[in-house]
Full PDB file with SEQRES, HELIX, SHEET, SSBOND, CRYST1, ORIGX, SCALE, CONECT and MASTER records, all heavy atoms in Angstrom:
SEQRES   1 A   41  PRO ASN ILE ALA ARG LEU LEU ALA SER LEU GLY GLU TYR          
SEQRES   2 A   41  ILE TYR SER VAL GLN ASP LYS THR VAL TYR THR HIS LEU          
SEQRES   3 A   41  TYR ILE GLY GLY GLU ALA ALA ILE GLU VAL ALA GLY THR          
SEQRES   4 A   41  LYS MET                                                      
HELIX    1 AA1 ASN A    2  ALA A    8  1                                   7    
HELIX    2 AA2 LEU A   10  TYR A   13  5                                   4    
SHEET    1 AA1 2 TYR A  15  GLN A  18  0                                        
SHEET    2 AA1 2 THR A  21  THR A  24 -1                                        
SHEET    1 AA2 2 GLU A  35  VAL A  36  0                                        
SHEET    2 AA2 2 THR A  39  LYS A  40 -1                                        
CRYST1    1.000    1.000    1.000  90.00  90.00  90.00 P 1           1          
ORIGX1      1.000000  0.000000  0.000000        0.00000                         
ORIGX2      0.000000  1.000000  0.000000        0.00000                         
ORIGX3      0.000000  0.000000  1.000000        0.00000                         
SCALE1      1.000000  0.000000  0.000000        0.00000                         
SCALE2      0.000000  1.000000  0.000000        0.00000                         
SCALE3      0.000000  0.000000  1.000000        0.00000                         
ATOM      1  N   PRO A   1     -23.524 -11.432  21.877  1.00  0.00           N  
ATOM      2  CA  PRO A   1     -22.090 -11.764  21.769  1.00  0.00           C  
ATOM      3  C   PRO A   1     -21.389 -10.938  20.673  1.00  0.00           C  
ATOM      4  O   PRO A   1     -20.167 -10.715  20.755  1.00  0.00           O  
ATOM      5  CB  PRO A   1     -22.078 -13.270  21.419  1.00  0.00           C  
ATOM      6  CG  PRO A   1     -23.438 -13.546  20.845  1.00  0.00           C  
ATOM      7  CD  PRO A   1     -24.370 -12.612  21.522  1.00  0.00           C  
ATOM      8  N   ASN A   2     -22.170 -10.426  19.704  1.00  0.00           N  
ATOM      9  CA  ASN A   2     -21.545  -9.546  18.702  1.00  0.00           C  
ATOM     10  C   ASN A   2     -21.125  -8.247  19.347  1.00  0.00           C  
ATOM     11  O   ASN A   2     -20.039  -7.704  19.037  1.00  0.00           O  
ATOM     12  CB  ASN A   2     -22.559  -9.296  17.568  1.00  0.00           C  
ATOM     13  CG  ASN A   2     -21.977  -9.572  16.212  1.00  0.00           C  
ATOM     14  OD1 ASN A   2     -20.791  -9.945  16.064  1.00  0.00           O  
ATOM     15  ND2 ASN A   2     -22.768  -9.428  15.186  1.00  0.00           N  
ATOM     16  N   ILE A   3     -21.979  -7.692  20.228  1.00  0.00           N  
ATOM     17  CA  ILE A   3     -21.586  -6.491  20.952  1.00  0.00           C  
ATOM     18  C   ILE A   3     -20.338  -6.725  21.772  1.00  0.00           C  
ATOM     19  O   ILE A   3     -19.401  -5.932  21.794  1.00  0.00           O  
ATOM     20  CB  ILE A   3     -22.722  -6.018  21.897  1.00  0.00           C  
ATOM     21  CG1 ILE A   3     -23.938  -5.576  21.073  1.00  0.00           C  
ATOM     22  CG2 ILE A   3     -22.290  -4.851  22.796  1.00  0.00           C  
ATOM     23  CD1 ILE A   3     -25.174  -5.299  21.904  1.00  0.00           C  
ATOM     24  N   ALA A   4     -20.318  -7.865  22.474  1.00  0.00           N  
ATOM     25  CA  ALA A   4     -19.187  -8.202  23.326  1.00  0.00           C  
ATOM     26  C   ALA A   4     -17.881  -8.295  22.536  1.00  0.00           C  
ATOM     27  O   ALA A   4     -16.853  -7.732  22.943  1.00  0.00           O  
ATOM     28  CB  ALA A   4     -19.440  -9.507  24.045  1.00  0.00           C  
ATOM     29  N   ARG A   5     -17.895  -8.963  21.378  1.00  0.00           N  
ATOM     30  CA  ARG A   5     -16.645  -9.121  20.656  1.00  0.00           C  
ATOM     31  C   ARG A   5     -16.187  -7.810  20.041  1.00  0.00           C  
ATOM     32  O   ARG A   5     -14.973  -7.567  19.942  1.00  0.00           O  
ATOM     33  CB  ARG A   5     -16.753 -10.209  19.618  1.00  0.00           C  
ATOM     34  CG  ARG A   5     -17.668  -9.948  18.421  1.00  0.00           C  
ATOM     35  CD  ARG A   5     -17.591 -11.100  17.422  1.00  0.00           C  
ATOM     36  NE  ARG A   5     -18.449 -10.840  16.250  1.00  0.00           N  
ATOM     37  CZ  ARG A   5     -18.113 -11.129  14.998  1.00  0.00           C  
ATOM     38  NH1 ARG A   5     -16.958 -11.698  14.752  1.00  0.00           N  
ATOM     39  NH2 ARG A   5     -18.931 -10.851  13.983  1.00  0.00           N  
ATOM     40  N   LEU A   6     -17.105  -6.936  19.623  1.00  0.00           N  
ATOM     41  CA  LEU A   6     -16.716  -5.671  19.101  1.00  0.00           C  
ATOM     42  C   LEU A   6     -16.085  -4.775  20.197  1.00  0.00           C  
ATOM     43  O   LEU A   6     -15.016  -4.209  20.034  1.00  0.00           O  
ATOM     44  CB  LEU A   6     -17.889  -4.933  18.457  1.00  0.00           C  
ATOM     45  CG  LEU A   6     -17.604  -3.516  17.984  1.00  0.00           C  
ATOM     46  CD1 LEU A   6     -16.448  -3.486  16.969  1.00  0.00           C  
ATOM     47  CD2 LEU A   6     -18.857  -2.883  17.357  1.00  0.00           C  
ATOM     48  N   LEU A   7     -16.787  -4.630  21.320  1.00  0.00           N  
ATOM     49  CA  LEU A   7     -16.268  -3.773  22.373  1.00  0.00           C  
ATOM     50  C   LEU A   7     -14.939  -4.284  22.963  1.00  0.00           C  
ATOM     51  O   LEU A   7     -14.055  -3.491  23.296  1.00  0.00           O  
ATOM     52  CB  LEU A   7     -17.284  -3.619  23.500  1.00  0.00           C  
ATOM     53  CG  LEU A   7     -18.554  -2.902  23.130  1.00  0.00           C  
ATOM     54  CD1 LEU A   7     -19.539  -2.813  24.285  1.00  0.00           C  
ATOM     55  CD2 LEU A   7     -18.306  -1.543  22.549  1.00  0.00           C  
ATOM     56  N   ALA A   8     -14.809  -5.643  23.025  1.00  0.00           N  
ATOM     57  CA  ALA A   8     -13.567  -6.206  23.537  1.00  0.00           C  
ATOM     58  C   ALA A   8     -12.371  -5.938  22.597  1.00  0.00           C  
ATOM     59  O   ALA A   8     -11.212  -5.955  23.023  1.00  0.00           O  
ATOM     60  CB  ALA A   8     -13.737  -7.693  23.806  1.00  0.00           C  
ATOM     61  N   SER A   9     -12.684  -5.723  21.331  1.00  0.00           N  
ATOM     62  CA  SER A   9     -11.600  -5.536  20.318  1.00  0.00           C  
ATOM     63  C   SER A   9     -11.530  -4.083  19.896  1.00  0.00           C  
ATOM     64  O   SER A   9     -10.941  -3.763  18.842  1.00  0.00           O  
ATOM     65  CB  SER A   9     -11.880  -6.445  19.113  1.00  0.00           C  
ATOM     66  OG  SER A   9     -13.102  -6.091  18.489  1.00  0.00           O  
ATOM     67  N   LEU A  10     -12.099  -3.169  20.650  1.00  0.00           N  
ATOM     68  CA  LEU A  10     -12.208  -1.762  20.233  1.00  0.00           C  
ATOM     69  C   LEU A  10     -10.834  -1.133  19.891  1.00  0.00           C  
ATOM     70  O   LEU A  10     -10.740  -0.248  19.051  1.00  0.00           O  
ATOM     71  CB  LEU A  10     -12.898  -0.963  21.329  1.00  0.00           C  
ATOM     72  CG  LEU A  10     -13.232   0.505  21.045  1.00  0.00           C  
ATOM     73  CD1 LEU A  10     -14.126   0.620  19.817  1.00  0.00           C  
ATOM     74  CD2 LEU A  10     -13.880   1.154  22.241  1.00  0.00           C  
ATOM     75  N   GLY A  11      -9.804  -1.584  20.553  1.00  0.00           N  
ATOM     76  CA  GLY A  11      -8.461  -1.051  20.313  1.00  0.00           C  
ATOM     77  C   GLY A  11      -8.022  -1.146  18.853  1.00  0.00           C  
ATOM     78  O   GLY A  11      -7.154  -0.377  18.409  1.00  0.00           O  
ATOM     79  N   GLU A  12      -8.607  -2.060  18.137  1.00  0.00           N  
ATOM     80  CA  GLU A  12      -8.222  -2.347  16.724  1.00  0.00           C  
ATOM     81  C   GLU A  12      -8.784  -1.267  15.770  1.00  0.00           C  
ATOM     82  O   GLU A  12      -8.415  -1.250  14.589  1.00  0.00           O  
ATOM     83  CB  GLU A  12      -8.689  -3.696  16.308  1.00  0.00           C  
ATOM     84  CG  GLU A  12      -8.038  -4.225  15.040  1.00  0.00           C  
ATOM     85  CD  GLU A  12      -7.192  -5.450  15.279  1.00  0.00           C  
ATOM     86  OE1 GLU A  12      -6.783  -5.707  16.433  1.00  0.00           O  
ATOM     87  OE2 GLU A  12      -6.929  -6.184  14.318  1.00  0.00           O  
ATOM     88  N   TYR A  13      -9.651  -0.401  16.249  1.00  0.00           N  
ATOM     89  CA  TYR A  13     -10.386   0.500  15.374  1.00  0.00           C  
ATOM     90  C   TYR A  13      -9.889   1.946  15.490  1.00  0.00           C  
ATOM     91  O   TYR A  13     -10.408   2.807  14.807  1.00  0.00           O  
ATOM     92  CB  TYR A  13     -11.871   0.438  15.675  1.00  0.00           C  
ATOM     93  CG  TYR A  13     -12.472  -0.944  15.391  1.00  0.00           C  
ATOM     94  CD1 TYR A  13     -12.362  -1.976  16.298  1.00  0.00           C  
ATOM     95  CD2 TYR A  13     -13.090  -1.193  14.168  1.00  0.00           C  
ATOM     96  CE1 TYR A  13     -12.898  -3.240  16.022  1.00  0.00           C  
ATOM     97  CE2 TYR A  13     -13.630  -2.441  13.879  1.00  0.00           C  
ATOM     98  CZ  TYR A  13     -13.487  -3.448  14.823  1.00  0.00           C  
ATOM     99  OH  TYR A  13     -13.988  -4.726  14.518  1.00  0.00           O  
ATOM    100  N   ILE A  14      -8.897   2.218  16.310  1.00  0.00           N  
ATOM    101  CA  ILE A  14      -8.521   3.576  16.606  1.00  0.00           C  
ATOM    102  C   ILE A  14      -7.499   4.129  15.651  1.00  0.00           C  
ATOM    103  O   ILE A  14      -7.635   5.291  15.175  1.00  0.00           O  
ATOM    104  CB  ILE A  14      -7.985   3.641  18.052  1.00  0.00           C  
ATOM    105  CG1 ILE A  14      -9.080   3.146  19.058  1.00  0.00           C  
ATOM    106  CG2 ILE A  14      -7.588   5.077  18.424  1.00  0.00           C  
ATOM    107  CD1 ILE A  14      -8.590   3.031  20.469  1.00  0.00           C  
ATOM    108  N   TYR A  15      -6.489   3.373  15.325  1.00  0.00           N  
ATOM    109  CA  TYR A  15      -5.357   3.851  14.497  1.00  0.00           C  
ATOM    110  C   TYR A  15      -5.104   2.945  13.295  1.00  0.00           C  
ATOM    111  O   TYR A  15      -5.427   1.749  13.320  1.00  0.00           O  
ATOM    112  CB  TYR A  15      -4.063   3.908  15.307  1.00  0.00           C  
ATOM    113  CG  TYR A  15      -4.125   4.724  16.565  1.00  0.00           C  
ATOM    114  CD1 TYR A  15      -4.213   4.084  17.813  1.00  0.00           C  
ATOM    115  CD2 TYR A  15      -4.038   6.133  16.544  1.00  0.00           C  
ATOM    116  CE1 TYR A  15      -4.263   4.833  18.995  1.00  0.00           C  
ATOM    117  CE2 TYR A  15      -4.037   6.854  17.700  1.00  0.00           C  
ATOM    118  CZ  TYR A  15      -4.169   6.218  18.931  1.00  0.00           C  
ATOM    119  OH  TYR A  15      -4.196   6.928  20.092  1.00  0.00           O  
ATOM    120  N   SER A  16      -4.550   3.536  12.265  1.00  0.00           N  
ATOM    121  CA  SER A  16      -3.948   2.738  11.190  1.00  0.00           C  
ATOM    122  C   SER A  16      -2.719   3.452  10.692  1.00  0.00           C  
ATOM    123  O   SER A  16      -2.495   4.650  10.961  1.00  0.00           O  
ATOM    124  CB  SER A  16      -4.944   2.525  10.049  1.00  0.00           C  
ATOM    125  OG  SER A  16      -5.309   3.706   9.425  1.00  0.00           O  
ATOM    126  N   VAL A  17      -1.917   2.693   9.945  1.00  0.00           N  
ATOM    127  CA  VAL A  17      -0.622   3.261   9.433  1.00  0.00           C  
ATOM    128  C   VAL A  17      -0.532   3.002   7.964  1.00  0.00           C  
ATOM    129  O   VAL A  17      -0.800   1.936   7.465  1.00  0.00           O  
ATOM    130  CB  VAL A  17       0.579   2.595  10.145  1.00  0.00           C  
ATOM    131  CG1 VAL A  17       1.886   3.108   9.566  1.00  0.00           C  
ATOM    132  CG2 VAL A  17       0.545   2.876  11.661  1.00  0.00           C  
ATOM    133  N   GLN A  18      -0.128   4.066   7.238  1.00  0.00           N  
ATOM    134  CA  GLN A  18       0.192   3.947   5.823  1.00  0.00           C  
ATOM    135  C   GLN A  18       1.498   4.725   5.557  1.00  0.00           C  
ATOM    136  O   GLN A  18       1.558   5.904   5.837  1.00  0.00           O  
ATOM    137  CB  GLN A  18      -0.914   4.521   4.942  1.00  0.00           C  
ATOM    138  CG  GLN A  18      -0.648   4.330   3.441  1.00  0.00           C  
ATOM    139  CD  GLN A  18      -1.669   5.009   2.564  1.00  0.00           C  
ATOM    140  OE1 GLN A  18      -2.190   6.045   2.903  1.00  0.00           O  
ATOM    141  NE2 GLN A  18      -2.013   4.398   1.473  1.00  0.00           N  
ATOM    142  N   ASP A  19       2.452   3.983   5.019  1.00  0.00           N  
ATOM    143  CA  ASP A  19       3.748   4.590   4.719  1.00  0.00           C  
ATOM    144  C   ASP A  19       4.312   5.336   5.953  1.00  0.00           C  
ATOM    145  O   ASP A  19       4.580   4.700   6.941  1.00  0.00           O  
ATOM    146  CB  ASP A  19       3.651   5.536   3.520  1.00  0.00           C  
ATOM    147  CG  ASP A  19       3.255   4.788   2.251  1.00  0.00           C  
ATOM    148  OD1 ASP A  19       3.577   3.578   2.131  1.00  0.00           O  
ATOM    149  OD2 ASP A  19       2.604   5.414   1.392  1.00  0.00           O  
ATOM    150  N   LYS A  20       4.405   6.633   5.874  1.00  0.00           N  
ATOM    151  CA  LYS A  20       5.015   7.451   6.924  1.00  0.00           C  
ATOM    152  C   LYS A  20       3.967   8.197   7.744  1.00  0.00           C  
ATOM    153  O   LYS A  20       4.297   9.235   8.379  1.00  0.00           O  
ATOM    154  CB  LYS A  20       6.016   8.433   6.316  1.00  0.00           C  
ATOM    155  CG  LYS A  20       7.199   7.785   5.636  1.00  0.00           C  
ATOM    156  CD  LYS A  20       8.180   8.815   5.113  1.00  0.00           C  
ATOM    157  CE  LYS A  20       9.393   8.162   4.456  1.00  0.00           C  
ATOM    158  NZ  LYS A  20      10.377   9.187   3.985  1.00  0.00           N  
ATOM    159  N   THR A  21       2.735   7.702   7.761  1.00  0.00           N  
ATOM    160  CA  THR A  21       1.671   8.459   8.450  1.00  0.00           C  
ATOM    161  C   THR A  21       0.869   7.549   9.372  1.00  0.00           C  
ATOM    162  O   THR A  21       0.472   6.435   8.998  1.00  0.00           O  
ATOM    163  CB  THR A  21       0.726   9.110   7.419  1.00  0.00           C  
ATOM    164  OG1 THR A  21       1.497   9.963   6.543  1.00  0.00           O  
ATOM    165  CG2 THR A  21      -0.308   9.962   8.128  1.00  0.00           C  
ATOM    166  N   VAL A  22       0.642   8.029  10.581  1.00  0.00           N  
ATOM    167  CA  VAL A  22      -0.266   7.353  11.524  1.00  0.00           C  
ATOM    168  C   VAL A  22      -1.599   8.118  11.498  1.00  0.00           C  
ATOM    169  O   VAL A  22      -1.661   9.305  11.680  1.00  0.00           O  
ATOM    170  CB  VAL A  22       0.274   7.413  12.974  1.00  0.00           C  
ATOM    171  CG1 VAL A  22      -0.695   6.759  13.948  1.00  0.00           C  
ATOM    172  CG2 VAL A  22       1.636   6.733  13.069  1.00  0.00           C  
ATOM    173  N   TYR A  23      -2.674   7.348  11.213  1.00  0.00           N  
ATOM    174  CA  TYR A  23      -4.007   7.954  11.167  1.00  0.00           C  
ATOM    175  C   TYR A  23      -4.769   7.678  12.452  1.00  0.00           C  
ATOM    176  O   TYR A  23      -4.816   6.540  12.935  1.00  0.00           O  
ATOM    177  CB  TYR A  23      -4.803   7.367   9.988  1.00  0.00           C  
ATOM    178  CG  TYR A  23      -4.330   7.888   8.641  1.00  0.00           C  
ATOM    179  CD1 TYR A  23      -3.292   7.246   7.965  1.00  0.00           C  
ATOM    180  CD2 TYR A  23      -4.885   8.986   8.097  1.00  0.00           C  
ATOM    181  CE1 TYR A  23      -2.835   7.715   6.734  1.00  0.00           C  
ATOM    182  CE2 TYR A  23      -4.434   9.493   6.850  1.00  0.00           C  
ATOM    183  CZ  TYR A  23      -3.434   8.826   6.199  1.00  0.00           C  
ATOM    184  OH  TYR A  23      -2.998   9.325   4.983  1.00  0.00           O  
ATOM    185  N   THR A  24      -5.357   8.739  13.004  1.00  0.00           N  
ATOM    186  CA  THR A  24      -6.180   8.603  14.189  1.00  0.00           C  
ATOM    187  C   THR A  24      -7.644   8.688  13.753  1.00  0.00           C  
ATOM    188  O   THR A  24      -8.106   9.755  13.310  1.00  0.00           O  
ATOM    189  CB  THR A  24      -5.896   9.716  15.206  1.00  0.00           C  
ATOM    190  OG1 THR A  24      -4.512   9.663  15.561  1.00  0.00           O  
ATOM    191  CG2 THR A  24      -6.735   9.535  16.447  1.00  0.00           C  
ATOM    192  N   HIS A  25      -8.356   7.575  13.860  1.00  0.00           N  
ATOM    193  CA  HIS A  25      -9.735   7.527  13.414  1.00  0.00           C  
ATOM    194  C   HIS A  25     -10.740   7.824  14.520  1.00  0.00           C  
ATOM    195  O   HIS A  25     -11.809   8.425  14.274  1.00  0.00           O  
ATOM    196  CB  HIS A  25     -10.042   6.156  12.809  1.00  0.00           C  
ATOM    197  CG  HIS A  25      -9.051   5.725  11.761  1.00  0.00           C  
ATOM    198  ND1 HIS A  25      -8.846   6.480  10.615  1.00  0.00           N  
ATOM    199  CD2 HIS A  25      -8.280   4.626  11.648  1.00  0.00           C  
ATOM    200  CE1 HIS A  25      -7.943   5.850   9.862  1.00  0.00           C  
ATOM    201  NE2 HIS A  25      -7.583   4.745  10.463  1.00  0.00           N  
ATOM    202  N   LEU A  26     -10.437   7.362  15.730  1.00  0.00           N  
ATOM    203  CA  LEU A  26     -11.315   7.548  16.858  1.00  0.00           C  
ATOM    204  C   LEU A  26     -10.570   8.193  17.999  1.00  0.00           C  
ATOM    205  O   LEU A  26      -9.386   7.874  18.232  1.00  0.00           O  
ATOM    206  CB  LEU A  26     -11.893   6.184  17.358  1.00  0.00           C  
ATOM    207  CG  LEU A  26     -12.733   5.410  16.364  1.00  0.00           C  
ATOM    208  CD1 LEU A  26     -13.077   4.039  16.932  1.00  0.00           C  
ATOM    209  CD2 LEU A  26     -14.030   6.161  16.007  1.00  0.00           C  
ATOM    210  N   TYR A  27     -11.202   9.117  18.706  1.00  0.00           N  
ATOM    211  CA  TYR A  27     -10.569   9.786  19.832  1.00  0.00           C  
ATOM    212  C   TYR A  27     -10.954   9.061  21.095  1.00  0.00           C  
ATOM    213  O   TYR A  27     -11.918   9.406  21.783  1.00  0.00           O  
ATOM    214  CB  TYR A  27     -10.985  11.266  19.809  1.00  0.00           C  
ATOM    215  CG  TYR A  27     -10.398  12.003  18.645  1.00  0.00           C  
ATOM    216  CD1 TYR A  27     -11.181  12.597  17.658  1.00  0.00           C  
ATOM    217  CD2 TYR A  27      -8.993  12.073  18.482  1.00  0.00           C  
ATOM    218  CE1 TYR A  27     -10.643  13.252  16.560  1.00  0.00           C  
ATOM    219  CE2 TYR A  27      -8.434  12.729  17.400  1.00  0.00           C  
ATOM    220  CZ  TYR A  27      -9.274  13.299  16.445  1.00  0.00           C  
ATOM    221  OH  TYR A  27      -8.669  13.943  15.361  1.00  0.00           O  
ATOM    222  N   ILE A  28     -10.109   8.070  21.430  1.00  0.00           N  
ATOM    223  CA  ILE A  28     -10.299   7.237  22.583  1.00  0.00           C  
ATOM    224  C   ILE A  28      -8.962   7.167  23.341  1.00  0.00           C  
ATOM    225  O   ILE A  28      -7.934   6.792  22.755  1.00  0.00           O  
ATOM    226  CB  ILE A  28     -10.739   5.825  22.147  1.00  0.00           C  
ATOM    227  CG1 ILE A  28     -12.129   5.864  21.498  1.00  0.00           C  
ATOM    228  CG2 ILE A  28     -10.800   4.859  23.339  1.00  0.00           C  
ATOM    229  CD1 ILE A  28     -12.626   4.566  20.931  1.00  0.00           C  
ATOM    230  N   GLY A  29      -8.986   7.506  24.614  1.00  0.00           N  
ATOM    231  CA  GLY A  29      -7.740   7.586  25.378  1.00  0.00           C  
ATOM    232  C   GLY A  29      -7.058   6.264  25.568  1.00  0.00           C  
ATOM    233  O   GLY A  29      -7.670   5.220  25.598  1.00  0.00           O  
ATOM    234  N   GLY A  30      -5.715   6.384  25.729  1.00  0.00           N  
ATOM    235  CA  GLY A  30      -4.904   5.195  25.961  1.00  0.00           C  
ATOM    236  C   GLY A  30      -3.517   5.316  25.338  1.00  0.00           C  
ATOM    237  O   GLY A  30      -3.090   6.439  24.978  1.00  0.00           O  
ATOM    238  N   GLU A  31      -2.865   4.210  25.231  1.00  0.00           N  
ATOM    239  CA  GLU A  31      -1.501   4.189  24.609  1.00  0.00           C  
ATOM    240  C   GLU A  31      -1.461   3.191  23.488  1.00  0.00           C  
ATOM    241  O   GLU A  31      -2.113   2.138  23.548  1.00  0.00           O  
ATOM    242  CB  GLU A  31      -0.447   3.801  25.694  1.00  0.00           C  
ATOM    243  CG  GLU A  31      -0.276   4.764  26.791  1.00  0.00           C  
ATOM    244  CD  GLU A  31       0.846   4.388  27.757  1.00  0.00           C  
ATOM    245  OE1 GLU A  31       1.582   3.422  27.419  1.00  0.00           O  
ATOM    246  OE2 GLU A  31       0.986   5.080  28.773  1.00  0.00           O  
ATOM    247  N   ALA A  32      -0.661   3.509  22.480  1.00  0.00           N  
ATOM    248  CA  ALA A  32      -0.476   2.617  21.351  1.00  0.00           C  
ATOM    249  C   ALA A  32       0.984   2.551  20.987  1.00  0.00           C  
ATOM    250  O   ALA A  32       1.662   3.561  20.831  1.00  0.00           O  
ATOM    251  CB  ALA A  32      -1.304   3.104  20.150  1.00  0.00           C  
ATOM    252  N   ALA A  33       1.488   1.325  20.863  1.00  0.00           N  
ATOM    253  CA  ALA A  33       2.869   1.101  20.402  1.00  0.00           C  
ATOM    254  C   ALA A  33       2.798   0.908  18.877  1.00  0.00           C  
ATOM    255  O   ALA A  33       2.219  -0.049  18.427  1.00  0.00           O  
ATOM    256  CB  ALA A  33       3.455  -0.113  21.095  1.00  0.00           C  
ATOM    257  N   ILE A  34       3.381   1.862  18.154  1.00  0.00           N  
ATOM    258  CA  ILE A  34       3.195   1.906  16.726  1.00  0.00           C  
ATOM    259  C   ILE A  34       4.537   1.955  16.036  1.00  0.00           C  
ATOM    260  O   ILE A  34       5.472   2.667  16.489  1.00  0.00           O  
ATOM    261  CB  ILE A  34       2.356   3.148  16.333  1.00  0.00           C  
ATOM    262  CG1 ILE A  34       1.009   3.123  17.013  1.00  0.00           C  
ATOM    263  CG2 ILE A  34       2.177   3.253  14.831  1.00  0.00           C  
ATOM    264  CD1 ILE A  34       0.211   4.396  16.836  1.00  0.00           C  
ATOM    265  N   GLU A  35       4.651   1.226  14.910  1.00  0.00           N  
ATOM    266  CA  GLU A  35       5.841   1.348  14.100  1.00  0.00           C  
ATOM    267  C   GLU A  35       5.437   2.068  12.798  1.00  0.00           C  
ATOM    268  O   GLU A  35       4.553   1.673  12.073  1.00  0.00           O  
ATOM    269  CB  GLU A  35       6.430  -0.001  13.747  1.00  0.00           C  
ATOM    270  CG  GLU A  35       7.706   0.063  12.925  1.00  0.00           C  
ATOM    271  CD  GLU A  35       8.439  -1.238  12.800  1.00  0.00           C  
ATOM    272  OE1 GLU A  35       8.137  -2.187  13.534  1.00  0.00           O  
ATOM    273  OE2 GLU A  35       9.355  -1.301  11.927  1.00  0.00           O  
ATOM    274  N   VAL A  36       6.142   3.187  12.543  1.00  0.00           N  
ATOM    275  CA  VAL A  36       5.846   4.006  11.375  1.00  0.00           C  
ATOM    276  C   VAL A  36       7.169   4.506  10.790  1.00  0.00           C  
ATOM    277  O   VAL A  36       8.034   4.969  11.545  1.00  0.00           O  
ATOM    278  CB  VAL A  36       4.889   5.181  11.711  1.00  0.00           C  
ATOM    279  CG1 VAL A  36       5.431   6.052  12.812  1.00  0.00           C  
ATOM    280  CG2 VAL A  36       4.571   6.006  10.470  1.00  0.00           C  
ATOM    281  N   ALA A  37       7.304   4.410   9.498  1.00  0.00           N  
ATOM    282  CA  ALA A  37       8.497   4.877   8.788  1.00  0.00           C  
ATOM    283  C   ALA A  37       9.773   4.279   9.413  1.00  0.00           C  
ATOM    284  O   ALA A  37      10.809   4.940   9.541  1.00  0.00           O  
ATOM    285  CB  ALA A  37       8.572   6.404   8.818  1.00  0.00           C  
ATOM    286  N   GLY A  38       9.664   2.991   9.821  1.00  0.00           N  
ATOM    287  CA  GLY A  38      10.838   2.318  10.383  1.00  0.00           C  
ATOM    288  C   GLY A  38      11.119   2.689  11.811  1.00  0.00           C  
ATOM    289  O   GLY A  38      12.152   2.285  12.373  1.00  0.00           O  
ATOM    290  N   THR A  39      10.272   3.497  12.416  1.00  0.00           N  
ATOM    291  CA  THR A  39      10.517   3.997  13.772  1.00  0.00           C  
ATOM    292  C   THR A  39       9.477   3.413  14.722  1.00  0.00           C  
ATOM    293  O   THR A  39       8.292   3.411  14.430  1.00  0.00           O  
ATOM    294  CB  THR A  39      10.430   5.529  13.845  1.00  0.00           C  
ATOM    295  OG1 THR A  39      11.402   6.086  13.005  1.00  0.00           O  
ATOM    296  CG2 THR A  39      10.593   6.033  15.260  1.00  0.00           C  
ATOM    297  N   LYS A  40       9.921   2.891  15.856  1.00  0.00           N  
ATOM    298  CA  LYS A  40       9.012   2.438  16.868  1.00  0.00           C  
ATOM    299  C   LYS A  40       8.721   3.613  17.817  1.00  0.00           C  
ATOM    300  O   LYS A  40       9.631   4.241  18.335  1.00  0.00           O  
ATOM    301  CB  LYS A  40       9.603   1.255  17.644  1.00  0.00           C  
ATOM    302  CG  LYS A  40       9.746   0.001  16.796  1.00  0.00           C  
ATOM    303  CD  LYS A  40      10.248  -1.156  17.612  1.00  0.00           C  
ATOM    304  CE  LYS A  40      10.355  -2.418  16.758  1.00  0.00           C  
ATOM    305  NZ  LYS A  40      10.898  -3.568  17.533  1.00  0.00           N  
ATOM    306  N   MET A  41       7.417   3.858  18.042  1.00  0.00           N  
ATOM    307  CA  MET A  41       7.079   4.955  18.892  1.00  0.00           C  
ATOM    308  C   MET A  41       5.841   4.587  19.730  1.00  0.00           C  
ATOM    309  O   MET A  41       5.101   3.662  19.384  1.00  0.00           O  
ATOM    310  CB  MET A  41       6.834   6.231  18.115  1.00  0.00           C  
ATOM    311  CG  MET A  41       5.634   6.170  17.201  1.00  0.00           C  
ATOM    312  SD  MET A  41       4.180   6.989  17.909  1.00  0.00           S  
ATOM    313  CE  MET A  41       3.423   7.650  16.436  1.00  0.00           C  
TER     314      MET A  41                                                      
MASTER        0    0    0    2    4    0    0    6  313    1    0    4          
END                                                                             
């Protein structure tokens, strides 16, 4: 079940945001709705 919960939540591990920068940690295809520097993109 630990494997299941990690893989099911994988989307949480791809990007993070600090101030005016979006960080890409993992190269996994898909779409992300992100707010950065007051901008929704």
